[in-house]
Amino acid sequence: MNLPSRDDIQRTFVDFPNDQIISYVDYFSEEKITQCHIYSYPSLMPYCGSITNNFPGGLFKNVRTVLLYDEYPFEHEFFLRIVQSFPYMQELCVNNLKSQNRKHSYESSNDNQNLSVIK
């Protein structure tokens, strides 16, 4: 399958010299579908949907509702990026059936190396 790269997508927006365009492409092998995210930055939308592990980050002060979806597990570092990108988030919806790969728990950690709390 030949998917456009992020640079390919960026080049299609040469007529928007004053706007920063953010884009990324996801391919979901289990469902055999492709999803392309394209948005101007800063975004004025109050929601951000179908965010995946490929989300590049950024600061989205207007977003209150965030929807996460991916075939791959969401790791702790990803949630740190989400909370930093959406500081005024009020609602978080997560659609993911995969367990974390780097899961830490209090029971299995004898050396007290626990993950930081996300605020």
PDB file of N, CA and C in Angstrom:
ATOM      1  N   MET A   1       0.850  -1.173   0.000  1.00  0.00           N
ATOM      2  CA  MET A   1       0.000   0.000   0.000  1.00  0.00           C
ATOM      3  C   MET A   1       0.898   1.240   0.000  1.00  0.00           C
ATOM      4  N   ASN A   2       0.606   2.161  -0.867  1.00  0.00           N
ATOM      5  CA  ASN A   2       1.385   3.388  -0.992  1.00  0.00           C
ATOM      6  C   ASN A   2       0.620   4.540  -0.331  1.00  0.00           C
ATOM      7  N   LEU A   3       1.040   4.929   0.861  1.00  0.00           N
ATOM      8  CA  LEU A   3       0.373   5.992   1.610  1.00  0.00           C
ATOM      9  C   LEU A   3       1.163   7.284   1.493  1.00  0.00           C
ATOM     10  N   PRO A   4       0.475   8.433   1.489  1.00  0.00           N
ATOM     11  CA  PRO A   4       1.205   9.707   1.447  1.00  0.00           C
ATOM     12  C   PRO A   4       1.970   9.931   2.747  1.00  0.00           C
ATOM     13  N   SER A   5       3.121  10.527   2.613  1.00  0.00           N
ATOM     14  CA  SER A   5       3.901  10.857   3.807  1.00  0.00           C
ATOM     15  C   SER A   5       3.403  12.174   4.384  1.00  0.00           C
ATOM     16  N   ARG A   6       3.873  12.488   5.561  1.00  0.00           N
ATOM     17  CA  ARG A   6       3.524  13.767   6.182  1.00  0.00           C
ATOM     18  C   ARG A   6       3.990  14.926   5.307  1.00  0.00           C
ATOM     19  N   ASP A   7       5.174  14.797   4.726  1.00  0.00           N
ATOM     20  CA  ASP A   7       5.693  15.844   3.837  1.00  0.00           C
ATOM     21  C   ASP A   7       4.852  15.979   2.573  1.00  0.00           C
ATOM     22  N   ASP A   8       4.380  14.861   2.024  1.00  0.00           N
ATOM     23  CA  ASP A   8       3.500  14.917   0.849  1.00  0.00           C
ATOM     24  C   ASP A   8       2.250  15.730   1.161  1.00  0.00           C
ATOM     25  N   ILE A   9       1.671  15.486   2.308  1.00  0.00           N
ATOM     26  CA  ILE A   9       0.452  16.202   2.706  1.00  0.00           C
ATOM     27  C   ILE A   9       0.758  17.676   2.931  1.00  0.00           C
ATOM     28  N   GLN A  10       1.850  17.983   3.613  1.00  0.00           N
ATOM     29  CA  GLN A  10       2.223  19.373   3.892  1.00  0.00           C
ATOM     30  C   GLN A  10       2.380  20.173   2.596  1.00  0.00           C
ATOM     31  N   ARG A  11       2.949  19.549   1.559  1.00  0.00           N
ATOM     32  CA  ARG A  11       3.174  20.253   0.289  1.00  0.00           C
ATOM     33  C   ARG A  11       1.876  20.641  -0.410  1.00  0.00           C
ATOM     34  N   THR A  12       0.770  19.986  -0.090  1.00  0.00           N
ATOM     35  CA  THR A  12      -0.500  20.339  -0.726  1.00  0.00           C
ATOM     36  C   THR A  12      -1.097  21.623  -0.153  1.00  0.00           C
ATOM     37  N   PHE A  13      -0.518  22.144   0.920  1.00  0.00           N
ATOM     38  CA  PHE A  13      -1.047  23.343   1.570  1.00  0.00           C
ATOM     39  C   PHE A  13      -0.144  24.558   1.373  1.00  0.00           C
ATOM     40  N   VAL A  14       0.501  24.657   0.219  1.00  0.00           N
ATOM     41  CA  VAL A  14       1.399  25.786  -0.045  1.00  0.00           C
ATOM     42  C   VAL A  14       0.638  27.104  -0.157  1.00  0.00           C
ATOM     43  N   ASP A  15      -0.668  27.045  -0.409  1.00  0.00           N
ATOM     44  CA  ASP A  15      -1.474  28.265  -0.530  1.00  0.00           C
ATOM     45  C   ASP A  15      -1.918  28.816   0.823  1.00  0.00           C
ATOM     46  N   PHE A  16      -1.433  28.253   1.903  1.00  0.00           N
ATOM     47  CA  PHE A  16      -1.760  28.706   3.249  1.00  0.00           C
ATOM     48  C   PHE A  16      -0.482  29.154   3.958  1.00  0.00           C
ATOM     49  N   PRO A  17       0.159  30.209   3.458  1.00  0.00           N
ATOM     50  CA  PRO A  17       1.468  30.586   4.013  1.00  0.00           C
ATOM     51  C   PRO A  17       1.416  31.098   5.452  1.00  0.00           C
ATOM     52  N   ASN A  18       0.265  31.583   5.907  1.00  0.00           N
ATOM     53  CA  ASN A  18       0.165  32.145   7.255  1.00  0.00           C
ATOM     54  C   ASN A  18      -0.335  31.146   8.294  1.00  0.00           C
ATOM     55  N   ASP A  19      -0.678  29.950   7.849  1.00  0.00           N
ATOM     56  CA  ASP A  19      -1.198  28.938   8.764  1.00  0.00           C
ATOM     57  C   ASP A  19      -0.196  27.805   8.912  1.00  0.00           C
ATOM     58  N   GLN A  20      -0.082  27.295  10.124  1.00  0.00           N
ATOM     59  CA  GLN A  20       0.718  26.101  10.339  1.00  0.00           C
ATOM     60  C   GLN A  20      -0.219  24.910  10.196  1.00  0.00           C
ATOM     61  N   ILE A  21       0.088  24.017   9.271  1.00  0.00           N
ATOM     62  CA  ILE A  21      -0.728  22.838   9.031  1.00  0.00           C
ATOM     63  C   ILE A  21      -0.038  21.633   9.666  1.00  0.00           C
ATOM     64  N   ILE A  22      -0.774  20.926  10.509  1.00  0.00           N
ATOM     65  CA  ILE A  22      -0.273  19.718  11.159  1.00  0.00           C
ATOM     66  C   ILE A  22      -0.959  18.529  10.494  1.00  0.00           C
ATOM     67  N   SER A  23      -0.197  17.494  10.200  1.00  0.00           N
ATOM     68  CA  SER A  23      -0.803  16.313   9.586  1.00  0.00           C
ATOM     69  C   SER A  23      -0.040  15.058   9.981  1.00  0.00           C
ATOM     70  N   TYR A  24      -0.760  13.960   9.967  1.00  0.00           N
ATOM     71  CA  TYR A  24      -0.142  12.647  10.125  1.00  0.00           C
ATOM     72  C   TYR A  24      -1.101  11.591   9.602  1.00  0.00           C
ATOM     73  N   VAL A  25      -0.553  10.442   9.228  1.00  0.00           N
ATOM     74  CA  VAL A  25      -1.320   9.365   8.612  1.00  0.00           C
ATOM     75  C   VAL A  25      -1.234   8.124   9.492  1.00  0.00           C
ATOM     76  N   ASP A  26      -2.368   7.460   9.664  1.00  0.00           N
ATOM     77  CA  ASP A  26      -2.423   6.199  10.401  1.00  0.00           C
ATOM     78  C   ASP A  26      -2.903   5.101   9.462  1.00  0.00           C
ATOM     79  N   TYR A  27      -2.315   3.942   9.587  1.00  0.00           N
ATOM     80  CA  TYR A  27      -2.801   2.762   8.881  1.00  0.00           C
ATOM     81  C   TYR A  27      -3.133   1.705   9.929  1.00  0.00           C
ATOM     82  N   PHE A  28      -4.382   1.269   9.918  1.00  0.00           N
ATOM     83  CA  PHE A  28      -4.838   0.260  10.869  1.00  0.00           C
ATOM     84  C   PHE A  28      -4.866  -1.088  10.155  1.00  0.00           C
ATOM     85  N   SER A  29      -3.866  -1.907  10.417  1.00  0.00           N
ATOM     86  CA  SER A  29      -3.711  -3.171   9.692  1.00  0.00           C
ATOM     87  C   SER A  29      -4.833  -4.166   9.993  1.00  0.00           C
ATOM     88  N   GLU A  30      -5.326  -4.190  11.218  1.00  0.00           N
ATOM     89  CA  GLU A  30      -6.398  -5.124  11.559  1.00  0.00           C
ATOM     90  C   GLU A  30      -7.680  -4.805  10.799  1.00  0.00           C
ATOM     91  N   GLU A  31      -7.989  -3.522  10.668  1.00  0.00           N
ATOM     92  CA  GLU A  31      -9.202  -3.101   9.970  1.00  0.00           C
ATOM     93  C   GLU A  31      -8.952  -2.817   8.494  1.00  0.00           C
ATOM     94  N   LYS A  32      -7.670  -2.755   8.117  1.00  0.00           N
ATOM     95  CA  LYS A  32      -7.264  -2.448   6.743  1.00  0.00           C
ATOM     96  C   LYS A  32      -7.841  -1.113   6.265  1.00  0.00           C
ATOM     97  N   ILE A  33      -7.715  -0.099   7.119  1.00  0.00           N
ATOM     98  CA  ILE A  33      -8.148   1.250   6.748  1.00  0.00           C
ATOM     99  C   ILE A  33      -7.028   2.243   7.039  1.00  0.00           C
ATOM    100  N   THR A  34      -7.111   3.363   6.357  1.00  0.00           N
ATOM    101  CA  THR A  34      -6.156   4.450   6.534  1.00  0.00           C
ATOM    102  C   THR A  34      -6.908   5.668   7.029  1.00  0.00           C
ATOM    103  N   GLN A  35      -6.272   6.424   7.892  1.00  0.00           N
ATOM    104  CA  GLN A  35      -6.866   7.648   8.430  1.00  0.00           C
ATOM    105  C   GLN A  35      -5.827   8.751   8.338  1.00  0.00           C
ATOM    106  N   CYS A  36      -6.237   9.884   7.799  1.00  0.00           N
ATOM    107  CA  CYS A  36      -5.332  11.017   7.662  1.00  0.00           C
ATOM    108  C   CYS A  36      -5.858  12.169   8.510  1.00  0.00           C
ATOM    109  N   HIS A  37      -5.005  12.718   9.359  1.00  0.00           N
ATOM    110  CA  HIS A  37      -5.360  13.856  10.206  1.00  0.00           C
ATOM    111  C   HIS A  37      -4.719  15.106   9.611  1.00  0.00           C
ATOM    112  N   ILE A  38      -5.530  16.115   9.366  1.00  0.00           N
ATOM    113  CA  ILE A  38      -5.025  17.394   8.862  1.00  0.00           C
ATOM    114  C   ILE A  38      -5.762  18.493   9.613  1.00  0.00           C
ATOM    115  N   TYR A  39      -5.020  19.396  10.230  1.00  0.00           N
ATOM    116  CA  TYR A  39      -5.662  20.511  10.913  1.00  0.00           C
ATOM    117  C   TYR A  39      -4.719  21.695  10.958  1.00  0.00           C
ATOM    118  N   SER A  40      -5.333  22.880  11.038  1.00  0.00           N
ATOM    119  CA  SER A  40      -4.523  24.096  11.164  1.00  0.00           C
ATOM    120  C   SER A  40      -4.212  24.311  12.640  1.00  0.00           C
ATOM    121  N   TYR A  41      -3.120  24.991  12.870  1.00  0.00           N
ATOM    122  CA  TYR A  41      -2.670  25.218  14.242  1.00  0.00           C
ATOM    123  C   TYR A  41      -2.425  26.698  14.439  1.00  0.00           C
ATOM    124  N   PRO A  42      -2.930  27.321  15.461  1.00  0.00           N
ATOM    125  CA  PRO A  42      -3.674  26.720  16.569  1.00  0.00           C
ATOM    126  C   PRO A  42      -5.109  26.405  16.175  1.00  0.00           C
ATOM    127  N   SER A  43      -5.634  25.353  16.734  1.00  0.00           N
ATOM    128  CA  SER A  43      -6.987  24.909  16.440  1.00  0.00           C
ATOM    129  C   SER A  43      -7.978  25.629  17.351  1.00  0.00           C
ATOM    130  N   LEU A  44      -9.133  25.968  16.789  1.00  0.00           N
ATOM    131  CA  LEU A  44     -10.181  26.622  17.579  1.00  0.00           C
ATOM    132  C   LEU A  44     -11.306  25.654  17.947  1.00  0.00           C
ATOM    133  N   MET A  45     -11.197  24.411  17.492  1.00  0.00           N
ATOM    134  CA  MET A  45     -12.252  23.432  17.760  1.00  0.00           C
ATOM    135  C   MET A  45     -12.260  23.030  19.237  1.00  0.00           C
ATOM    136  N   PRO A  46     -13.458  22.754  19.789  1.00  0.00           N
ATOM    137  CA  PRO A  46     -13.550  22.349  21.196  1.00  0.00           C
ATOM    138  C   PRO A  46     -13.326  20.850  21.413  1.00  0.00           C
ATOM    139  N   TYR A  47     -13.161  20.093  20.336  1.00  0.00           N
ATOM    140  CA  TYR A  47     -12.942  18.657  20.461  1.00  0.00           C
ATOM    141  C   TYR A  47     -11.843  18.209  19.507  1.00  0.00           C
ATOM    142  N   CYS A  48     -11.261  17.082  19.805  1.00  0.00           N
ATOM    143  CA  CYS A  48     -10.235  16.495  18.956  1.00  0.00           C
ATOM    144  C   CYS A  48     -10.482  14.997  18.968  1.00  0.00           C
ATOM    145  N   GLY A  49     -10.801  14.423  17.813  1.00  0.00           N
ATOM    146  CA  GLY A  49     -11.206  13.031  17.761  1.00  0.00           C
ATOM    147  C   GLY A  49     -10.256  12.115  17.027  1.00  0.00           C
ATOM    148  N   SER A  50     -10.358  10.847  17.347  1.00  0.00           N
ATOM    149  CA  SER A  50      -9.576   9.771  16.731  1.00  0.00           C
ATOM    150  C   SER A  50      -8.077  10.014  16.804  1.00  0.00           C
ATOM    151  N   ILE A  51      -7.614  10.467  17.939  1.00  0.00           N
ATOM    152  CA  ILE A  51      -6.181  10.677  18.143  1.00  0.00           C
ATOM    153  C   ILE A  51      -5.529   9.316  18.373  1.00  0.00           C
ATOM    154  N   THR A  52      -4.391   9.111  17.726  1.00  0.00           N
ATOM    155  CA  THR A  52      -3.670   7.848  17.839  1.00  0.00           C
ATOM    156  C   THR A  52      -2.290   8.077  18.438  1.00  0.00           C
ATOM    157  N   ASN A  53      -1.540   6.999  18.556  1.00  0.00           N
ATOM    158  CA  ASN A  53      -0.168   7.077  19.049  1.00  0.00           C
ATOM    159  C   ASN A  53       0.726   7.944  18.172  1.00  0.00           C
ATOM    160  N   ASN A  54       0.324   8.191  16.933  1.00  0.00           N
ATOM    161  CA  ASN A  54       1.112   9.030  16.025  1.00  0.00           C
ATOM    162  C   ASN A  54       0.907  10.521  16.256  1.00  0.00           C
ATOM    163  N   PHE A  55       0.028  10.883  17.164  1.00  0.00           N
ATOM    164  CA  PHE A  55      -0.249  12.296  17.444  1.00  0.00           C
ATOM    165  C   PHE A  55       1.053  13.023  17.769  1.00  0.00           C
ATOM    166  N   PRO A  56       1.363  14.110  17.020  1.00  0.00           N
ATOM    167  CA  PRO A  56       2.647  14.784  17.210  1.00  0.00           C
ATOM    168  C   PRO A  56       2.712  15.732  18.397  1.00  0.00           C
ATOM    169  N   GLY A  57       1.595  15.982  19.049  1.00  0.00           N
ATOM    170  CA  GLY A  57       1.598  16.913  20.176  1.00  0.00           C
ATOM    171  C   GLY A  57       1.275  18.322  19.731  1.00  0.00           C
ATOM    172  N   GLY A  58       1.525  19.272  20.601  1.00  0.00           N
ATOM    173  CA  GLY A  58       1.163  20.662  20.365  1.00  0.00           C
ATOM    174  C   GLY A  58       0.365  21.153  21.554  1.00  0.00           C
ATOM    175  N   LEU A  59      -0.027  22.412  21.524  1.00  0.00           N
ATOM    176  CA  LEU A  59      -0.811  22.988  22.616  1.00  0.00           C
ATOM    177  C   LEU A  59      -2.178  23.384  22.080  1.00  0.00           C
ATOM    178  N   PHE A  60      -3.234  22.794  22.615  1.00  0.00           N
ATOM    179  CA  PHE A  60      -4.601  23.000  22.153  1.00  0.00           C
ATOM    180  C   PHE A  60      -5.443  23.508  23.316  1.00  0.00           C
ATOM    181  N   LYS A  61      -5.440  24.812  23.514  1.00  0.00           N
ATOM    182  CA  LYS A  61      -6.108  25.419  24.670  1.00  0.00           C
ATOM    183  C   LYS A  61      -7.627  25.411  24.566  1.00  0.00           C
ATOM    184  N   ASN A  62      -8.186  25.317  23.355  1.00  0.00           N
ATOM    185  CA  ASN A  62      -9.639  25.359  23.191  1.00  0.00           C
ATOM    186  C   ASN A  62     -10.305  23.992  23.292  1.00  0.00           C
ATOM    187  N   VAL A  63      -9.543  22.938  23.218  1.00  0.00           N
ATOM    188  CA  VAL A  63     -10.107  21.584  23.202  1.00  0.00           C
ATOM    189  C   VAL A  63     -10.529  21.167  24.608  1.00  0.00           C
ATOM    190  N   ARG A  64     -11.784  20.717  24.709  1.00  0.00           N
ATOM    191  CA  ARG A  64     -12.328  20.254  25.986  1.00  0.00           C
ATOM    192  C   ARG A  64     -12.598  18.751  25.975  1.00  0.00           C
ATOM    193  N   THR A  65     -12.846  18.187  24.781  1.00  0.00           N
ATOM    194  CA  THR A  65     -13.148  16.767  24.639  1.00  0.00           C
ATOM    195  C   THR A  65     -12.121  16.122  23.726  1.00  0.00           C
ATOM    196  N   VAL A  66     -11.534  15.023  24.182  1.00  0.00           N
ATOM    197  CA  VAL A  66     -10.508  14.314  23.420  1.00  0.00           C
ATOM    198  C   VAL A  66     -10.930  12.854  23.284  1.00  0.00           C
ATOM    199  N   LEU A  67     -10.852  12.346  22.043  1.00  0.00           N
ATOM    200  CA  LEU A  67     -11.170  10.949  21.771  1.00  0.00           C
ATOM    201  C   LEU A  67      -9.915  10.241  21.279  1.00  0.00           C
ATOM    202  N   LEU A  68      -9.556   9.148  21.938  1.00  0.00           N
ATOM    203  CA  LEU A  68      -8.368   8.379  21.573  1.00  0.00           C
ATOM    204  C   LEU A  68      -8.791   7.051  20.968  1.00  0.00           C
ATOM    205  N   TYR A  69      -8.130   6.664  19.878  1.00  0.00           N
ATOM    206  CA  TYR A  69      -8.387   5.366  19.260  1.00  0.00           C
ATOM    207  C   TYR A  69      -7.095   4.860  18.637  1.00  0.00           C
ATOM    208  N   ASP A  70      -6.815   3.588  18.826  1.00  0.00           N
ATOM    209  CA  ASP A  70      -5.680   2.981  18.139  1.00  0.00           C
ATOM    210  C   ASP A  70      -5.754   1.470  18.281  1.00  0.00           C
ATOM    211  N   GLU A  71      -5.125   0.769  17.333  1.00  0.00           N
ATOM    212  CA  GLU A  71      -4.988  -0.683  17.422  1.00  0.00           C
ATOM    213  C   GLU A  71      -3.811  -1.059  18.310  1.00  0.00           C
ATOM    214  N   TYR A  72      -2.924  -0.122  18.540  1.00  0.00           N
ATOM    215  CA  TYR A  72      -1.731  -0.355  19.343  1.00  0.00           C
ATOM    216  C   TYR A  72      -1.958   0.189  20.748  1.00  0.00           C
ATOM    217  N   PRO A  73      -1.298  -0.367  21.751  1.00  0.00           N
ATOM    218  CA  PRO A  73      -1.528   0.078  23.129  1.00  0.00           C
ATOM    219  C   PRO A  73      -1.082   1.518  23.364  1.00  0.00           C
ATOM    220  N   PHE A  74      -1.806   2.199  24.221  1.00  0.00           N
ATOM    221  CA  PHE A  74      -1.412   3.532  24.672  1.00  0.00           C
ATOM    222  C   PHE A  74      -0.522   3.355  25.897  1.00  0.00           C
ATOM    223  N   GLU A  75       0.688   3.862  25.819  1.00  0.00           N
ATOM    224  CA  GLU A  75       1.625   3.752  26.929  1.00  0.00           C
ATOM    225  C   GLU A  75       1.548   5.008  27.800  1.00  0.00           C
ATOM    226  N   HIS A  76       2.138   4.948  28.965  1.00  0.00           N
ATOM    227  CA  HIS A  76       2.110   6.047  29.930  1.00  0.00           C
ATOM    228  C   HIS A  76       2.629   7.354  29.321  1.00  0.00           C
ATOM    229  N   GLU A  77       3.703   7.271  28.549  1.00  0.00           N
ATOM    230  CA  GLU A  77       4.296   8.469  27.936  1.00  0.00           C
ATOM    231  C   GLU A  77       3.321   9.155  26.988  1.00  0.00           C
ATOM    232  N   PHE A  78       2.487   8.375  26.311  1.00  0.00           N
ATOM    233  CA  PHE A  78       1.480   8.941  25.415  1.00  0.00           C
ATOM    234  C   PHE A  78       0.473   9.774  26.207  1.00  0.00           C
ATOM    235  N   PHE A  79       0.031   9.261  27.341  1.00  0.00           N
ATOM    236  CA  PHE A  79      -0.927  10.008  28.160  1.00  0.00           C
ATOM    237  C   PHE A  79      -0.300  11.289  28.714  1.00  0.00           C
ATOM    238  N   LEU A  80       0.989  11.256  29.000  1.00  0.00           N
ATOM    239  CA  LEU A  80       1.674  12.490  29.411  1.00  0.00           C
ATOM    240  C   LEU A  80       1.622  13.524  28.292  1.00  0.00           C
ATOM    241  N   ARG A  81       1.843  13.089  27.052  1.00  0.00           N
ATOM    242  CA  ARG A  81       1.783  13.996  25.896  1.00  0.00           C
ATOM    243  C   ARG A  81       0.367  14.547  25.720  1.00  0.00           C
ATOM    244  N   ILE A  82      -0.641  13.709  25.938  1.00  0.00           N
ATOM    245  CA  ILE A  82      -2.033  14.144  25.800  1.00  0.00           C
ATOM    246  C   ILE A  82      -2.368  15.207  26.839  1.00  0.00           C
ATOM    247  N   VAL A  83      -2.008  14.973  28.091  1.00  0.00           N
ATOM    248  CA  VAL A  83      -2.350  15.930  29.148  1.00  0.00           C
ATOM    249  C   VAL A  83      -1.607  17.254  28.960  1.00  0.00           C
ATOM    250  N   GLN A  84      -0.410  17.219  28.397  1.00  0.00           N
ATOM    251  CA  GLN A  84       0.328  18.455  28.114  1.00  0.00           C
ATOM    252  C   GLN A  84      -0.257  19.188  26.910  1.00  0.00           C
ATOM    253  N   SER A  85      -0.766  18.451  25.931  1.00  0.00           N
ATOM    254  CA  SER A  85      -1.308  19.067  24.719  1.00  0.00           C
ATOM    255  C   SER A  85      -2.692  19.662  24.936  1.00  0.00           C
ATOM    256  N   PHE A  86      -3.456  19.104  25.880  1.00  0.00           N
ATOM    257  CA  PHE A  86      -4.832  19.544  26.114  1.00  0.00           C
ATOM    258  C   PHE A  86      -5.003  19.941  27.582  1.00  0.00           C
ATOM    259  N   PRO A  87      -4.444  21.076  27.994  1.00  0.00           N
ATOM    260  CA  PRO A  87      -4.458  21.445  29.416  1.00  0.00           C
ATOM    261  C   PRO A  87      -5.849  21.736  29.978  1.00  0.00           C
ATOM    262  N   TYR A  88      -6.835  22.025  29.119  1.00  0.00           N
ATOM    263  CA  TYR A  88      -8.182  22.340  29.607  1.00  0.00           C
ATOM    264  C   TYR A  88      -9.182  21.237  29.279  1.00  0.00           C
ATOM    265  N   MET A  89      -8.676  20.032  29.025  1.00  0.00           N
ATOM    266  CA  MET A  89      -9.520  18.891  28.704  1.00  0.00           C
ATOM    267  C   MET A  89     -10.454  18.592  29.878  1.00  0.00           C
ATOM    268  N   GLN A  90     -11.733  18.379  29.555  1.00  0.00           N
ATOM    269  CA  GLN A  90     -12.724  18.031  30.566  1.00  0.00           C
ATOM    270  C   GLN A  90     -13.224  16.598  30.404  1.00  0.00           C
ATOM    271  N   GLU A  91     -13.115  16.071  29.189  1.00  0.00           N
ATOM    272  CA  GLU A  91     -13.623  14.729  28.914  1.00  0.00           C
ATOM    273  C   GLU A  91     -12.618  13.976  28.048  1.00  0.00           C
ATOM    274  N   LEU A  92     -12.329  12.739  28.430  1.00  0.00           N
ATOM    275  CA  LEU A  92     -11.411  11.883  27.689  1.00  0.00           C
ATOM    276  C   LEU A  92     -12.105  10.558  27.418  1.00  0.00           C
ATOM    277  N   CYS A  93     -12.215  10.191  26.144  1.00  0.00           N
ATOM    278  CA  CYS A  93     -12.800   8.912  25.740  1.00  0.00           C
ATOM    279  C   CYS A  93     -11.697   8.062  25.120  1.00  0.00           C
ATOM    280  N   VAL A  94     -11.544   6.830  25.593  1.00  0.00           N
ATOM    281  CA  VAL A  94     -10.480   5.947  25.124  1.00  0.00           C
ATOM    282  C   VAL A  94     -11.095   4.692  24.522  1.00  0.00           C
ATOM    283  N   ASN A  95     -10.704   4.388  23.272  1.00  0.00           N
ATOM    284  CA  ASN A  95     -11.145   3.183  22.589  1.00  0.00           C
ATOM    285  C   ASN A  95      -9.897   2.411  22.189  1.00  0.00           C
ATOM    286  N   ASN A  96      -9.553   1.395  22.989  1.00  0.00           N
ATOM    287  CA  ASN A  96      -8.348   0.617  22.741  1.00  0.00           C
ATOM    288  C   ASN A  96      -8.464  -0.693  23.506  1.00  0.00           C
ATOM    289  N   LEU A  97      -8.247  -1.798  22.815  1.00  0.00           N
ATOM    290  CA  LEU A  97      -8.389  -3.102  23.452  1.00  0.00           C
ATOM    291  C   LEU A  97      -7.058  -3.762  23.789  1.00  0.00           C
ATOM    292  N   LYS A  98      -5.951  -3.068  23.556  1.00  0.00           N
ATOM    293  CA  LYS A  98      -4.624  -3.650  23.774  1.00  0.00           C
ATOM    294  C   LYS A  98      -4.065  -3.237  25.133  1.00  0.00           C
ATOM    295  N   SER A  99      -3.464  -4.180  25.818  1.00  0.00           N
ATOM    296  CA  SER A  99      -2.818  -3.894  27.102  1.00  0.00           C
ATOM    297  C   SER A  99      -1.521  -3.141  26.874  1.00  0.00           C
ATOM    298  N   GLN A 100      -1.151  -2.352  27.854  1.00  0.00           N
ATOM    299  CA  GLN A 100       0.118  -1.634  27.775  1.00  0.00           C
ATOM    300  C   GLN A 100       1.270  -2.625  27.750  1.00  0.00           C
ATOM    301  N   ASN A 101       2.301  -2.310  26.971  1.00  0.00           N
ATOM    302  CA  ASN A 101       3.495  -3.157  26.908  1.00  0.00           C
ATOM    303  C   ASN A 101       4.389  -2.935  28.114  1.00  0.00           C
ATOM    304  N   ARG A 102       4.502  -1.681  28.521  1.00  0.00           N
ATOM    305  CA  ARG A 102       5.398  -1.324  29.626  1.00  0.00           C
ATOM    306  C   ARG A 102       4.575  -0.990  30.869  1.00  0.00           C
ATOM    307  N   LYS A 103       3.768  -1.941  31.289  1.00  0.00           N
ATOM    308  CA  LYS A 103       2.896  -1.719  32.435  1.00  0.00           C
ATOM    309  C   LYS A 103       3.675  -1.929  33.729  1.00  0.00           C
ATOM    310  N   HIS A 104       3.535  -0.983  34.628  1.00  0.00           N
ATOM    311  CA  HIS A 104       4.153  -1.076  35.947  1.00  0.00           C
ATOM    312  C   HIS A 104       3.034  -1.122  36.978  1.00  0.00           C
ATOM    313  N   SER A 105       3.243  -1.877  38.004  1.00  0.00           N
ATOM    314  CA  SER A 105       2.242  -1.895  39.069  1.00  0.00           C
ATOM    315  C   SER A 105       2.946  -1.869  40.418  1.00  0.00           C
ATOM    316  N   TYR A 106       2.220  -1.468  41.415  1.00  0.00           N
ATOM    317  CA  TYR A 106       2.775  -1.414  42.762  1.00  0.00           C
ATOM    318  C   TYR A 106       3.132  -2.812  43.260  1.00  0.00           C
ATOM    319  N   GLU A 107       2.324  -3.822  42.892  1.00  0.00           N
ATOM    320  CA  GLU A 107       2.580  -5.169  43.386  1.00  0.00           C
ATOM    321  C   GLU A 107       3.862  -5.765  42.808  1.00  0.00           C
ATOM    322  N   SER A 108       4.139  -5.481  41.535  1.00  0.00           N
ATOM    323  CA  SER A 108       5.295  -6.111  40.902  1.00  0.00           C
ATOM    324  C   SER A 108       6.560  -5.277  41.014  1.00  0.00           C
ATOM    325  N   SER A 109       6.459  -4.133  41.658  1.00  0.00           N
ATOM    326  CA  SER A 109       7.617  -3.249  41.739  1.00  0.00           C
ATOM    327  C   SER A 109       8.203  -3.270  43.144  1.00  0.00           C
ATOM    328  N   ASN A 110       9.257  -4.028  43.317  1.00  0.00           N
ATOM    329  CA  ASN A 110       9.899  -4.107  44.625  1.00  0.00           C
ATOM    330  C   ASN A 110      10.864  -2.959  44.872  1.00  0.00           C
ATOM    331  N   ASP A 111      11.270  -2.277  43.807  1.00  0.00           N
ATOM    332  CA  ASP A 111      12.250  -1.199  43.965  1.00  0.00           C
ATOM    333  C   ASP A 111      11.610   0.190  43.934  1.00  0.00           C
ATOM    334  N   ASN A 112      10.275   0.251  44.057  1.00  0.00           N
ATOM    335  CA  ASN A 112       9.535   1.513  44.142  1.00  0.00           C
ATOM    336  C   ASN A 112       9.734   2.430  42.943  1.00  0.00           C
ATOM    337  N   GLN A 113       9.974   1.887  41.773  1.00  0.00           N
ATOM    338  CA  GLN A 113      10.057   2.708  40.562  1.00  0.00           C
ATOM    339  C   GLN A 113       8.672   2.756  39.932  1.00  0.00           C
ATOM    340  N   ASN A 114       7.856   3.673  40.381  1.00  0.00           N
ATOM    341  CA  ASN A 114       6.498   3.805  39.884  1.00  0.00           C
ATOM    342  C   ASN A 114       6.414   4.942  38.886  1.00  0.00           C
ATOM    343  N   LEU A 115       5.394   4.892  38.068  1.00  0.00           N
ATOM    344  CA  LEU A 115       5.187   5.934  37.071  1.00  0.00           C
ATOM    345  C   LEU A 115       4.684   7.205  37.728  1.00  0.00           C
ATOM    346  N   SER A 116       4.987   8.329  37.109  1.00  0.00           N
ATOM    347  CA  SER A 116       4.541   9.607  37.651  1.00  0.00           C
ATOM    348  C   SER A 116       3.034   9.756  37.494  1.00  0.00           C
ATOM    349  N   VAL A 117       2.437  10.514  38.377  1.00  0.00           N
ATOM    350  CA  VAL A 117       1.010  10.775  38.350  1.00  0.00           C
ATOM    351  C   VAL A 117       0.735  11.832  37.296  1.00  0.00           C
ATOM    352  N   ILE A 118      -0.278  11.592  36.469  1.00  0.00           N
ATOM    353  CA  ILE A 118      -0.672  12.557  35.445  1.00  0.00           C
ATOM    354  C   ILE A 118      -1.683  13.498  36.060  1.00  0.00           C
ATOM    355  N   LYS A 119      -1.398  14.790  35.995  1.00  0.00           N
ATOM    356  CA  LYS A 119      -2.304  15.785  36.579  1.00  0.00           C
ATOM    357  C   LYS A 119      -2.947  16.607  35.499  1.00  0.00           C
TER     358      LYS A 119
END
